[in-house]
Amino acid sequence: MEEKLYKLINENGEEYLSSIPGTLGGNKRLKIYGRLDCPSALRWIEQGYYIKDRVFFIDEETAIKAGYRPCAVCMKKEYAEWKEHQKSLIYTLQRRK
């Protein structure tokens, strides 16, 4: 029996094959990641969108390092933290000018 391989994205944003399926899904074009059962992503997939840009990650740390942000729908807490961090970075950069 042949081992099933899954296509995942690594922390450099490159695809690789893994025997372990991803725990998070994402959209390559929008640079968003979230739960595999995210209502927003499932709605888009159901409407025929999102499929060609769908990617998978082994964990949240890898998604973040690859430059993706948390989904505001299924990962509200993580998204709020990400947004606050972005505001802090902008504020810091503006103060340096």
PDB file of N, CA and C in Angstrom:
ATOM      1  N   MET A   1       0.837  -1.189   0.000  1.00  0.00           N
ATOM      2  CA  MET A   1       0.000   0.000   0.000  1.00  0.00           C
ATOM      3  C   MET A   1       0.877   1.247   0.000  1.00  0.00           C
ATOM      4  N   GLU A   2       0.565   2.171  -0.900  1.00  0.00           N
ATOM      5  CA  GLU A   2       1.344   3.383  -1.033  1.00  0.00           C
ATOM      6  C   GLU A   2       0.979   4.405   0.040  1.00  0.00           C
ATOM      7  N   GLU A   3       1.997   5.041   0.600  1.00  0.00           N
ATOM      8  CA  GLU A   3       1.773   6.053   1.630  1.00  0.00           C
ATOM      9  C   GLU A   3       1.203   7.320   0.984  1.00  0.00           C
ATOM     10  N   LYS A   4       0.168   7.885   1.599  1.00  0.00           N
ATOM     11  CA  LYS A   4      -0.447   9.113   1.088  1.00  0.00           C
ATOM     12  C   LYS A   4       0.434  10.294   1.469  1.00  0.00           C
ATOM     13  N   LEU A   5       0.670  11.179   0.497  1.00  0.00           N
ATOM     14  CA  LEU A   5       1.458  12.373   0.748  1.00  0.00           C
ATOM     15  C   LEU A   5       0.583  13.607   0.591  1.00  0.00           C
ATOM     16  N   TYR A   6       0.835  14.590   1.418  1.00  0.00           N
ATOM     17  CA  TYR A   6       0.079  15.839   1.430  1.00  0.00           C
ATOM     18  C   TYR A   6       1.002  16.981   1.038  1.00  0.00           C
ATOM     19  N   LYS A   7       0.474  17.934   0.281  1.00  0.00           N
ATOM     20  CA  LYS A   7       1.261  19.094  -0.126  1.00  0.00           C
ATOM     21  C   LYS A   7       1.062  20.197   0.906  1.00  0.00           C
ATOM     22  N   LEU A   8       2.136  20.585   1.572  1.00  0.00           N
ATOM     23  CA  LEU A   8       2.099  21.626   2.597  1.00  0.00           C
ATOM     24  C   LEU A   8       3.003  22.782   2.189  1.00  0.00           C
ATOM     25  N   ILE A   9       2.907  23.879   2.932  1.00  0.00           N
ATOM     26  CA  ILE A   9       3.753  25.052   2.734  1.00  0.00           C
ATOM     27  C   ILE A   9       4.686  25.162   3.931  1.00  0.00           C
ATOM     28  N   ASN A  10       5.983  25.380   3.661  1.00  0.00           N
ATOM     29  CA  ASN A  10       6.940  25.512   4.766  1.00  0.00           C
ATOM     30  C   ASN A  10       7.081  26.980   5.169  1.00  0.00           C
ATOM     31  N   GLU A  11       7.963  27.252   6.118  1.00  0.00           N
ATOM     32  CA  GLU A  11       8.103  28.615   6.642  1.00  0.00           C
ATOM     33  C   GLU A  11       8.685  29.599   5.631  1.00  0.00           C
ATOM     34  N   ASN A  12       9.235  29.090   4.529  1.00  0.00           N
ATOM     35  CA  ASN A  12       9.739  29.953   3.463  1.00  0.00           C
ATOM     36  C   ASN A  12       8.700  30.166   2.361  1.00  0.00           C
ATOM     37  N   GLY A  13       7.493  29.611   2.576  1.00  0.00           N
ATOM     38  CA  GLY A  13       6.428  29.745   1.594  1.00  0.00           C
ATOM     39  C   GLY A  13       6.539  28.770   0.435  1.00  0.00           C
ATOM     40  N   GLU A  14       7.408  27.762   0.575  1.00  0.00           N
ATOM     41  CA  GLU A  14       7.620  26.775  -0.482  1.00  0.00           C
ATOM     42  C   GLU A  14       6.811  25.516  -0.204  1.00  0.00           C
ATOM     43  N   GLU A  15       6.330  24.888  -1.270  1.00  0.00           N
ATOM     44  CA  GLU A  15       5.568  23.649  -1.141  1.00  0.00           C
ATOM     45  C   GLU A  15       6.510  22.477  -0.880  1.00  0.00           C
ATOM     46  N   TYR A  16       6.024  21.507  -0.099  1.00  0.00           N
ATOM     47  CA  TYR A  16       6.757  20.258   0.115  1.00  0.00           C
ATOM     48  C   TYR A  16       5.746  19.153   0.381  1.00  0.00           C
ATOM     49  N   LEU A  17       6.167  17.920   0.214  1.00  0.00           N
ATOM     50  CA  LEU A  17       5.300  16.770   0.456  1.00  0.00           C
ATOM     51  C   LEU A  17       5.555  16.207   1.841  1.00  0.00           C
ATOM     52  N   SER A  18       4.482  15.827   2.520  1.00  0.00           N
ATOM     53  CA  SER A  18       4.571  15.309   3.884  1.00  0.00           C
ATOM     54  C   SER A  18       3.618  14.131   4.050  1.00  0.00           C
ATOM     55  N   SER A  19       4.004  13.198   4.882  1.00  0.00           N
ATOM     56  CA  SER A  19       3.107  12.081   5.197  1.00  0.00           C
ATOM     57  C   SER A  19       2.097  12.504   6.264  1.00  0.00           C
ATOM     58  N   ILE A  20       2.311  13.671   6.859  1.00  0.00           N
ATOM     59  CA  ILE A  20       1.416  14.210   7.889  1.00  0.00           C
ATOM     60  C   ILE A  20       0.552  15.295   7.256  1.00  0.00           C
ATOM     61  N   PRO A  21      -0.780  15.202   7.358  1.00  0.00           N
ATOM     62  CA  PRO A  21      -1.628  16.245   6.769  1.00  0.00           C
ATOM     63  C   PRO A  21      -1.511  17.561   7.539  1.00  0.00           C
ATOM     64  N   GLY A  22      -1.834  18.641   6.877  1.00  0.00           N
ATOM     65  CA  GLY A  22      -1.804  19.951   7.520  1.00  0.00           C
ATOM     66  C   GLY A  22      -2.904  20.079   8.556  1.00  0.00           C
ATOM     67  N   THR A  23      -2.666  20.904   9.543  1.00  0.00           N
ATOM     68  CA  THR A  23      -3.662  21.153  10.586  1.00  0.00           C
ATOM     69  C   THR A  23      -4.383  22.478  10.367  1.00  0.00           C
ATOM     70  N   LEU A  24      -3.838  23.306   9.455  1.00  0.00           N
ATOM     71  CA  LEU A  24      -4.426  24.602   9.135  1.00  0.00           C
ATOM     72  C   LEU A  24      -4.491  24.765   7.622  1.00  0.00           C
ATOM     73  N   GLY A  25      -5.524  25.460   7.164  1.00  0.00           N
ATOM     74  CA  GLY A  25      -5.652  25.761   5.746  1.00  0.00           C
ATOM     75  C   GLY A  25      -5.425  27.238   5.531  1.00  0.00           C
ATOM     76  N   GLY A  26      -5.162  27.600   4.295  1.00  0.00           N
ATOM     77  CA  GLY A  26      -4.947  29.007   4.015  1.00  0.00           C
ATOM     78  C   GLY A  26      -5.255  29.350   2.581  1.00  0.00           C
ATOM     79  N   ASN A  27      -5.158  30.636   2.274  1.00  0.00           N
ATOM     80  CA  ASN A  27      -5.350  31.137   0.926  1.00  0.00           C
ATOM     81  C   ASN A  27      -4.057  31.819   0.506  1.00  0.00           C
ATOM     82  N   LYS A  28      -3.446  31.265  -0.523  1.00  0.00           N
ATOM     83  CA  LYS A  28      -2.147  31.742  -1.003  1.00  0.00           C
ATOM     84  C   LYS A  28      -2.220  33.187  -1.494  1.00  0.00           C
ATOM     85  N   ARG A  29      -3.300  33.555  -2.163  1.00  0.00           N
ATOM     86  CA  ARG A  29      -3.436  34.895  -2.724  1.00  0.00           C
ATOM     87  C   ARG A  29      -3.678  35.936  -1.634  1.00  0.00           C
ATOM     88  N   LEU A  30      -4.531  35.595  -0.665  1.00  0.00           N
ATOM     89  CA  LEU A  30      -4.877  36.538   0.403  1.00  0.00           C
ATOM     90  C   LEU A  30      -3.915  36.500   1.583  1.00  0.00           C
ATOM     91  N   LYS A  31      -3.058  35.474   1.624  1.00  0.00           N
ATOM     92  CA  LYS A  31      -2.089  35.299   2.724  1.00  0.00           C
ATOM     93  C   LYS A  31      -2.790  35.208   4.085  1.00  0.00           C
ATOM     94  N   ILE A  32      -3.849  34.390   4.133  1.00  0.00           N
ATOM     95  CA  ILE A  32      -4.625  34.163   5.361  1.00  0.00           C
ATOM     96  C   ILE A  32      -4.552  32.679   5.701  1.00  0.00           C
ATOM     97  N   TYR A  33      -4.489  32.351   6.991  1.00  0.00           N
ATOM     98  CA  TYR A  33      -4.577  30.953   7.416  1.00  0.00           C
ATOM     99  C   TYR A  33      -5.648  30.821   8.487  1.00  0.00           C
ATOM    100  N   GLY A  34      -6.203  29.627   8.601  1.00  0.00           N
ATOM    101  CA  GLY A  34      -7.225  29.378   9.611  1.00  0.00           C
ATOM    102  C   GLY A  34      -7.501  27.897   9.789  1.00  0.00           C
ATOM    103  N   ARG A  35      -8.498  27.614  10.594  1.00  0.00           N
ATOM    104  CA  ARG A  35      -8.876  26.221  10.863  1.00  0.00           C
ATOM    105  C   ARG A  35      -9.390  25.563   9.583  1.00  0.00           C
ATOM    106  N   LEU A  36      -9.265  24.267   9.509  1.00  0.00           N
ATOM    107  CA  LEU A  36      -9.747  23.533   8.339  1.00  0.00           C
ATOM    108  C   LEU A  36     -11.262  23.586   8.219  1.00  0.00           C
ATOM    109  N   ASP A  37     -11.948  23.791   9.335  1.00  0.00           N
ATOM    110  CA  ASP A  37     -13.411  23.863   9.315  1.00  0.00           C
ATOM    111  C   ASP A  37     -13.929  25.308   9.368  1.00  0.00           C
ATOM    112  N   CYS A  38     -13.119  26.255   8.963  1.00  0.00           N
ATOM    113  CA  CYS A  38     -13.502  27.668   8.995  1.00  0.00           C
ATOM    114  C   CYS A  38     -14.754  27.887   8.145  1.00  0.00           C
ATOM    115  N   PRO A  39     -15.818  28.466   8.731  1.00  0.00           N
ATOM    116  CA  PRO A  39     -17.049  28.692   7.979  1.00  0.00           C
ATOM    117  C   PRO A  39     -16.844  29.590   6.759  1.00  0.00           C
ATOM    118  N   SER A  40     -15.992  30.570   6.878  1.00  0.00           N
ATOM    119  CA  SER A  40     -15.749  31.487   5.768  1.00  0.00           C
ATOM    120  C   SER A  40     -15.075  30.759   4.607  1.00  0.00           C
ATOM    121  N   ALA A  41     -14.031  30.007   4.890  1.00  0.00           N
ATOM    122  CA  ALA A  41     -13.330  29.255   3.841  1.00  0.00           C
ATOM    123  C   ALA A  41     -14.244  28.218   3.209  1.00  0.00           C
ATOM    124  N   LEU A  42     -15.012  27.501   4.017  1.00  0.00           N
ATOM    125  CA  LEU A  42     -15.922  26.489   3.483  1.00  0.00           C
ATOM    126  C   LEU A  42     -16.988  27.110   2.579  1.00  0.00           C
ATOM    127  N   ARG A  43     -17.436  28.298   2.925  1.00  0.00           N
ATOM    128  CA  ARG A  43     -18.421  29.002   2.107  1.00  0.00           C
ATOM    129  C   ARG A  43     -17.815  29.359   0.737  1.00  0.00           C
ATOM    130  N   TRP A  44     -16.578  29.865   0.758  1.00  0.00           N
ATOM    131  CA  TRP A  44     -15.905  30.214  -0.494  1.00  0.00           C
ATOM    132  C   TRP A  44     -15.683  28.967  -1.350  1.00  0.00           C
ATOM    133  N   ILE A  45     -15.252  27.892  -0.721  1.00  0.00           N
ATOM    134  CA  ILE A  45     -15.002  26.644  -1.449  1.00  0.00           C
ATOM    135  C   ILE A  45     -16.296  26.126  -2.058  1.00  0.00           C
ATOM    136  N   GLU A  46     -17.369  26.186  -1.301  1.00  0.00           N
ATOM    137  CA  GLU A  46     -18.679  25.736  -1.776  1.00  0.00           C
ATOM    138  C   GLU A  46     -19.134  26.520  -3.007  1.00  0.00           C
ATOM    139  N   GLN A  47     -18.771  27.781  -3.081  1.00  0.00           N
ATOM    140  CA  GLN A  47     -19.151  28.633  -4.204  1.00  0.00           C
ATOM    141  C   GLN A  47     -18.205  28.484  -5.391  1.00  0.00           C
ATOM    142  N   GLY A  48     -17.195  27.612  -5.243  1.00  0.00           N
ATOM    143  CA  GLY A  48     -16.278  27.353  -6.343  1.00  0.00           C
ATOM    144  C   GLY A  48     -15.047  28.238  -6.373  1.00  0.00           C
ATOM    145  N   TYR A  49     -14.873  29.063  -5.365  1.00  0.00           N
ATOM    146  CA  TYR A  49     -13.698  29.928  -5.276  1.00  0.00           C
ATOM    147  C   TYR A  49     -12.676  29.274  -4.351  1.00  0.00           C
ATOM    148  N   TYR A  50     -11.499  29.895  -4.282  1.00  0.00           N
ATOM    149  CA  TYR A  50     -10.553  29.561  -3.229  1.00  0.00           C
ATOM    150  C   TYR A  50      -9.762  28.287  -3.470  1.00  0.00           C
ATOM    151  N   ILE A  51     -10.278  27.359  -4.279  1.00  0.00           N
ATOM    152  CA  ILE A  51      -9.650  26.045  -4.434  1.00  0.00           C
ATOM    153  C   ILE A  51      -8.233  26.149  -4.983  1.00  0.00           C
ATOM    154  N   LYS A  52      -8.037  26.876  -6.072  1.00  0.00           N
ATOM    155  CA  LYS A  52      -6.704  26.929  -6.685  1.00  0.00           C
ATOM    156  C   LYS A  52      -5.683  27.633  -5.799  1.00  0.00           C
ATOM    157  N   ASP A  53      -6.147  28.470  -4.882  1.00  0.00           N
ATOM    158  CA  ASP A  53      -5.245  29.197  -3.987  1.00  0.00           C
ATOM    159  C   ASP A  53      -5.139  28.562  -2.599  1.00  0.00           C
ATOM    160  N   ARG A  54      -5.771  27.403  -2.413  1.00  0.00           N
ATOM    161  CA  ARG A  54      -5.798  26.738  -1.109  1.00  0.00           C
ATOM    162  C   ARG A  54      -4.436  26.126  -0.807  1.00  0.00           C
ATOM    163  N   VAL A  55      -3.934  26.371   0.391  1.00  0.00           N
ATOM    164  CA  VAL A  55      -2.672  25.799   0.863  1.00  0.00           C
ATOM    165  C   VAL A  55      -2.878  25.250   2.271  1.00  0.00           C
ATOM    166  N   PHE A  56      -1.916  24.463   2.730  1.00  0.00           N
ATOM    167  CA  PHE A  56      -2.022  23.844   4.048  1.00  0.00           C
ATOM    168  C   PHE A  56      -0.712  23.981   4.809  1.00  0.00           C
ATOM    169  N   PHE A  57      -0.848  24.089   6.127  1.00  0.00           N
ATOM    170  CA  PHE A  57       0.301  24.247   7.015  1.00  0.00           C
ATOM    171  C   PHE A  57       0.272  23.191   8.109  1.00  0.00           C
ATOM    172  N   ILE A  58       1.441  22.810   8.558  1.00  0.00           N
ATOM    173  CA  ILE A  58       1.553  21.822   9.641  1.00  0.00           C
ATOM    174  C   ILE A  58       1.155  22.441  10.978  1.00  0.00           C
ATOM    175  N   ASP A  59       1.436  23.763  11.152  1.00  0.00           N
ATOM    176  CA  ASP A  59       1.082  24.432  12.409  1.00  0.00           C
ATOM    177  C   ASP A  59       1.033  25.949  12.211  1.00  0.00           C
ATOM    178  N   GLU A  60       0.593  26.640  13.235  1.00  0.00           N
ATOM    179  CA  GLU A  60       0.428  28.090  13.174  1.00  0.00           C
ATOM    180  C   GLU A  60       1.767  28.817  13.036  1.00  0.00           C
ATOM    181  N   GLU A  61       2.766  28.352  13.736  1.00  0.00           N
ATOM    182  CA  GLU A  61       4.084  28.989  13.671  1.00  0.00           C
ATOM    183  C   GLU A  61       4.618  29.008  12.243  1.00  0.00           C
ATOM    184  N   THR A  62       4.438  27.911  11.523  1.00  0.00           N
ATOM    185  CA  THR A  62       4.895  27.829  10.142  1.00  0.00           C
ATOM    186  C   THR A  62       4.123  28.799   9.260  1.00  0.00           C
ATOM    187  N   ALA A  63       2.812  28.898   9.451  1.00  0.00           N
ATOM    188  CA  ALA A  63       1.991  29.820   8.665  1.00  0.00           C
ATOM    189  C   ALA A  63       2.444  31.263   8.875  1.00  0.00           C
ATOM    190  N   ILE A  64       2.717  31.625  10.110  1.00  0.00           N
ATOM    191  CA  ILE A  64       3.152  32.984  10.438  1.00  0.00           C
ATOM    192  C   ILE A  64       4.508  33.273   9.801  1.00  0.00           C
ATOM    193  N   LYS A  65       5.446  32.337   9.923  1.00  0.00           N
ATOM    194  CA  LYS A  65       6.778  32.533   9.344  1.00  0.00           C
ATOM    195  C   LYS A  65       6.724  32.633   7.823  1.00  0.00           C
ATOM    196  N   ALA A  66       5.728  31.984   7.212  1.00  0.00           N
ATOM    197  CA  ALA A  66       5.572  32.040   5.756  1.00  0.00           C
ATOM    198  C   ALA A  66       4.910  33.348   5.315  1.00  0.00           C
ATOM    199  N   GLY A  67       4.520  34.193   6.282  1.00  0.00           N
ATOM    200  CA  GLY A  67       3.966  35.498   5.962  1.00  0.00           C
ATOM    201  C   GLY A  67       2.451  35.557   5.899  1.00  0.00           C
ATOM    202  N   TYR A  68       1.779  34.575   6.494  1.00  0.00           N
ATOM    203  CA  TYR A  68       0.316  34.544   6.491  1.00  0.00           C
ATOM    204  C   TYR A  68      -0.216  35.117   7.800  1.00  0.00           C
ATOM    205  N   ARG A  69      -1.430  35.672   7.750  1.00  0.00           N
ATOM    206  CA  ARG A  69      -2.058  36.220   8.953  1.00  0.00           C
ATOM    207  C   ARG A  69      -3.250  35.350   9.338  1.00  0.00           C
ATOM    208  N   PRO A  70      -3.650  35.394  10.607  1.00  0.00           N
ATOM    209  CA  PRO A  70      -4.795  34.598  11.062  1.00  0.00           C
ATOM    210  C   PRO A  70      -6.110  35.087  10.448  1.00  0.00           C
ATOM    211  N   CYS A  71      -7.027  34.167  10.274  1.00  0.00           N
ATOM    212  CA  CYS A  71      -8.367  34.468   9.768  1.00  0.00           C
ATOM    213  C   CYS A  71      -9.159  35.196  10.855  1.00  0.00           C
ATOM    214  N   ALA A  72      -9.831  36.278  10.468  1.00  0.00           N
ATOM    215  CA  ALA A  72     -10.624  37.055  11.419  1.00  0.00           C
ATOM    216  C   ALA A  72     -11.913  36.340  11.807  1.00  0.00           C
ATOM    217  N   VAL A  73     -12.329  35.335  11.037  1.00  0.00           N
ATOM    218  CA  VAL A  73     -13.580  34.630  11.305  1.00  0.00           C
ATOM    219  C   VAL A  73     -13.369  33.472  12.273  1.00  0.00           C
ATOM    220  N   CYS A  74     -12.437  32.582  11.973  1.00  0.00           N
ATOM    221  CA  CYS A  74     -12.307  31.366  12.784  1.00  0.00           C
ATOM    222  C   CYS A  74     -11.210  31.451  13.840  1.00  0.00           C
ATOM    223  N   MET A  75     -10.383  32.488  13.778  1.00  0.00           N
ATOM    224  CA  MET A  75      -9.287  32.630  14.742  1.00  0.00           C
ATOM    225  C   MET A  75      -9.296  34.052  15.293  1.00  0.00           C
ATOM    226  N   LYS A  76     -10.423  34.426  15.874  1.00  0.00           N
ATOM    227  CA  LYS A  76     -10.639  35.811  16.316  1.00  0.00           C
ATOM    228  C   LYS A  76      -9.568  36.304  17.290  1.00  0.00           C
ATOM    229  N   LYS A  77      -9.224  35.492  18.265  1.00  0.00           N
ATOM    230  CA  LYS A  77      -8.232  35.904  19.267  1.00  0.00           C
ATOM    231  C   LYS A  77      -6.869  36.115  18.608  1.00  0.00           C
ATOM    232  N   GLU A  78      -6.451  35.164  17.783  1.00  0.00           N
ATOM    233  CA  GLU A  78      -5.159  35.261  17.104  1.00  0.00           C
ATOM    234  C   GLU A  78      -5.131  36.463  16.157  1.00  0.00           C
ATOM    235  N   TYR A  79      -6.267  36.689  15.482  1.00  0.00           N
ATOM    236  CA  TYR A  79      -6.361  37.822  14.567  1.00  0.00           C
ATOM    237  C   TYR A  79      -6.244  39.143  15.336  1.00  0.00           C
ATOM    238  N   ALA A  80      -6.925  39.253  16.468  1.00  0.00           N
ATOM    239  CA  ALA A  80      -6.858  40.476  17.285  1.00  0.00           C
ATOM    240  C   ALA A  80      -5.423  40.729  17.748  1.00  0.00           C
ATOM    241  N   GLU A  81      -4.729  39.673  18.147  1.00  0.00           N
ATOM    242  CA  GLU A  81      -3.331  39.813  18.571  1.00  0.00           C
ATOM    243  C   GLU A  81      -2.457  40.253  17.403  1.00  0.00           C
ATOM    244  N   TRP A  82      -2.683  39.649  16.232  1.00  0.00           N
ATOM    245  CA  TRP A  82      -1.922  39.998  15.040  1.00  0.00           C
ATOM    246  C   TRP A  82      -2.151  41.469  14.684  1.00  0.00           C
ATOM    247  N   LYS A  83      -3.409  41.895  14.710  1.00  0.00           N
ATOM    248  CA  LYS A  83      -3.764  43.267  14.366  1.00  0.00           C
ATOM    249  C   LYS A  83      -3.111  44.258  15.328  1.00  0.00           C
ATOM    250  N   GLU A  84      -3.142  43.927  16.610  1.00  0.00           N
ATOM    251  CA  GLU A  84      -2.515  44.789  17.618  1.00  0.00           C
ATOM    252  C   GLU A  84      -1.006  44.878  17.378  1.00  0.00           C
ATOM    253  N   HIS A  85      -0.398  43.772  17.032  1.00  0.00           N
ATOM    254  CA  HIS A  85       1.040  43.747  16.737  1.00  0.00           C
ATOM    255  C   HIS A  85       1.344  44.627  15.523  1.00  0.00           C
ATOM    256  N   GLN A  86       0.501  44.567  14.489  1.00  0.00           N
ATOM    257  CA  GLN A  86       0.689  45.387  13.292  1.00  0.00           C
ATOM    258  C   GLN A  86       0.608  46.876  13.640  1.00  0.00           C
ATOM    259  N   LYS A  87      -0.360  47.233  14.469  1.00  0.00           N
ATOM    260  CA  LYS A  87      -0.504  48.634  14.894  1.00  0.00           C
ATOM    261  C   LYS A  87       0.745  49.086  15.633  1.00  0.00           C
ATOM    262  N   SER A  88       1.260  48.223  16.493  1.00  0.00           N
ATOM    263  CA  SER A  88       2.461  48.534  17.265  1.00  0.00           C
ATOM    264  C   SER A  88       3.661  48.744  16.342  1.00  0.00           C
ATOM    265  N   LEU A  89       3.786  47.911  15.319  1.00  0.00           N
ATOM    266  CA  LEU A  89       4.888  48.067  14.361  1.00  0.00           C
ATOM    267  C   LEU A  89       4.783  49.381  13.603  1.00  0.00           C
ATOM    268  N   ILE A  90       3.592  49.720  13.174  1.00  0.00           N
ATOM    269  CA  ILE A  90       3.375  50.970  12.433  1.00  0.00           C
ATOM    270  C   ILE A  90       3.715  52.163  13.319  1.00  0.00           C
ATOM    271  N   TYR A  91       3.258  52.114  14.560  1.00  0.00           N
ATOM    272  CA  TYR A  91       3.532  53.199  15.505  1.00  0.00           C
ATOM    273  C   TYR A  91       5.055  53.353  15.718  1.00  0.00           C
ATOM    274  N   THR A  92       5.735  52.241  15.890  1.00  0.00           N
ATOM    275  CA  THR A  92       7.188  52.270  16.089  1.00  0.00           C
ATOM    276  C   THR A  92       7.900  52.834  14.883  1.00  0.00           C
ATOM    277  N   LEU A  93       7.490  52.415  13.698  1.00  0.00           N
ATOM    278  CA  LEU A  93       8.112  52.922  12.466  1.00  0.00           C
ATOM    279  C   LEU A  93       7.862  54.415  12.269  1.00  0.00           C
ATOM    280  N   GLN A  94       6.667  54.880  12.613  1.00  0.00           N
ATOM    281  CA  GLN A  94       6.336  56.291  12.477  1.00  0.00           C
ATOM    282  C   GLN A  94       7.151  57.141  13.455  1.00  0.00           C
ATOM    283  N   ARG A  95       7.411  56.641  14.624  1.00  0.00           N
ATOM    284  CA  ARG A  95       8.178  57.383  15.626  1.00  0.00           C
ATOM    285  C   ARG A  95       9.630  57.533  15.210  1.00  0.00           C
ATOM    286  N   ARG A  96      10.133  56.577  14.428  1.00  0.00           N
ATOM    287  CA  ARG A  96      11.530  56.623  13.995  1.00  0.00           C
ATOM    288  C   ARG A  96      11.781  57.661  12.912  1.00  0.00           C
ATOM    289  N   LYS A  97      10.734  58.130  12.253  1.00  0.00           N
ATOM    290  CA  LYS A  97      10.893  59.093  11.150  1.00  0.00           C
ATOM    291  C   LYS A  97      11.214  60.471  11.649  1.00  0.00           C
TER     292      LYS A  97
END
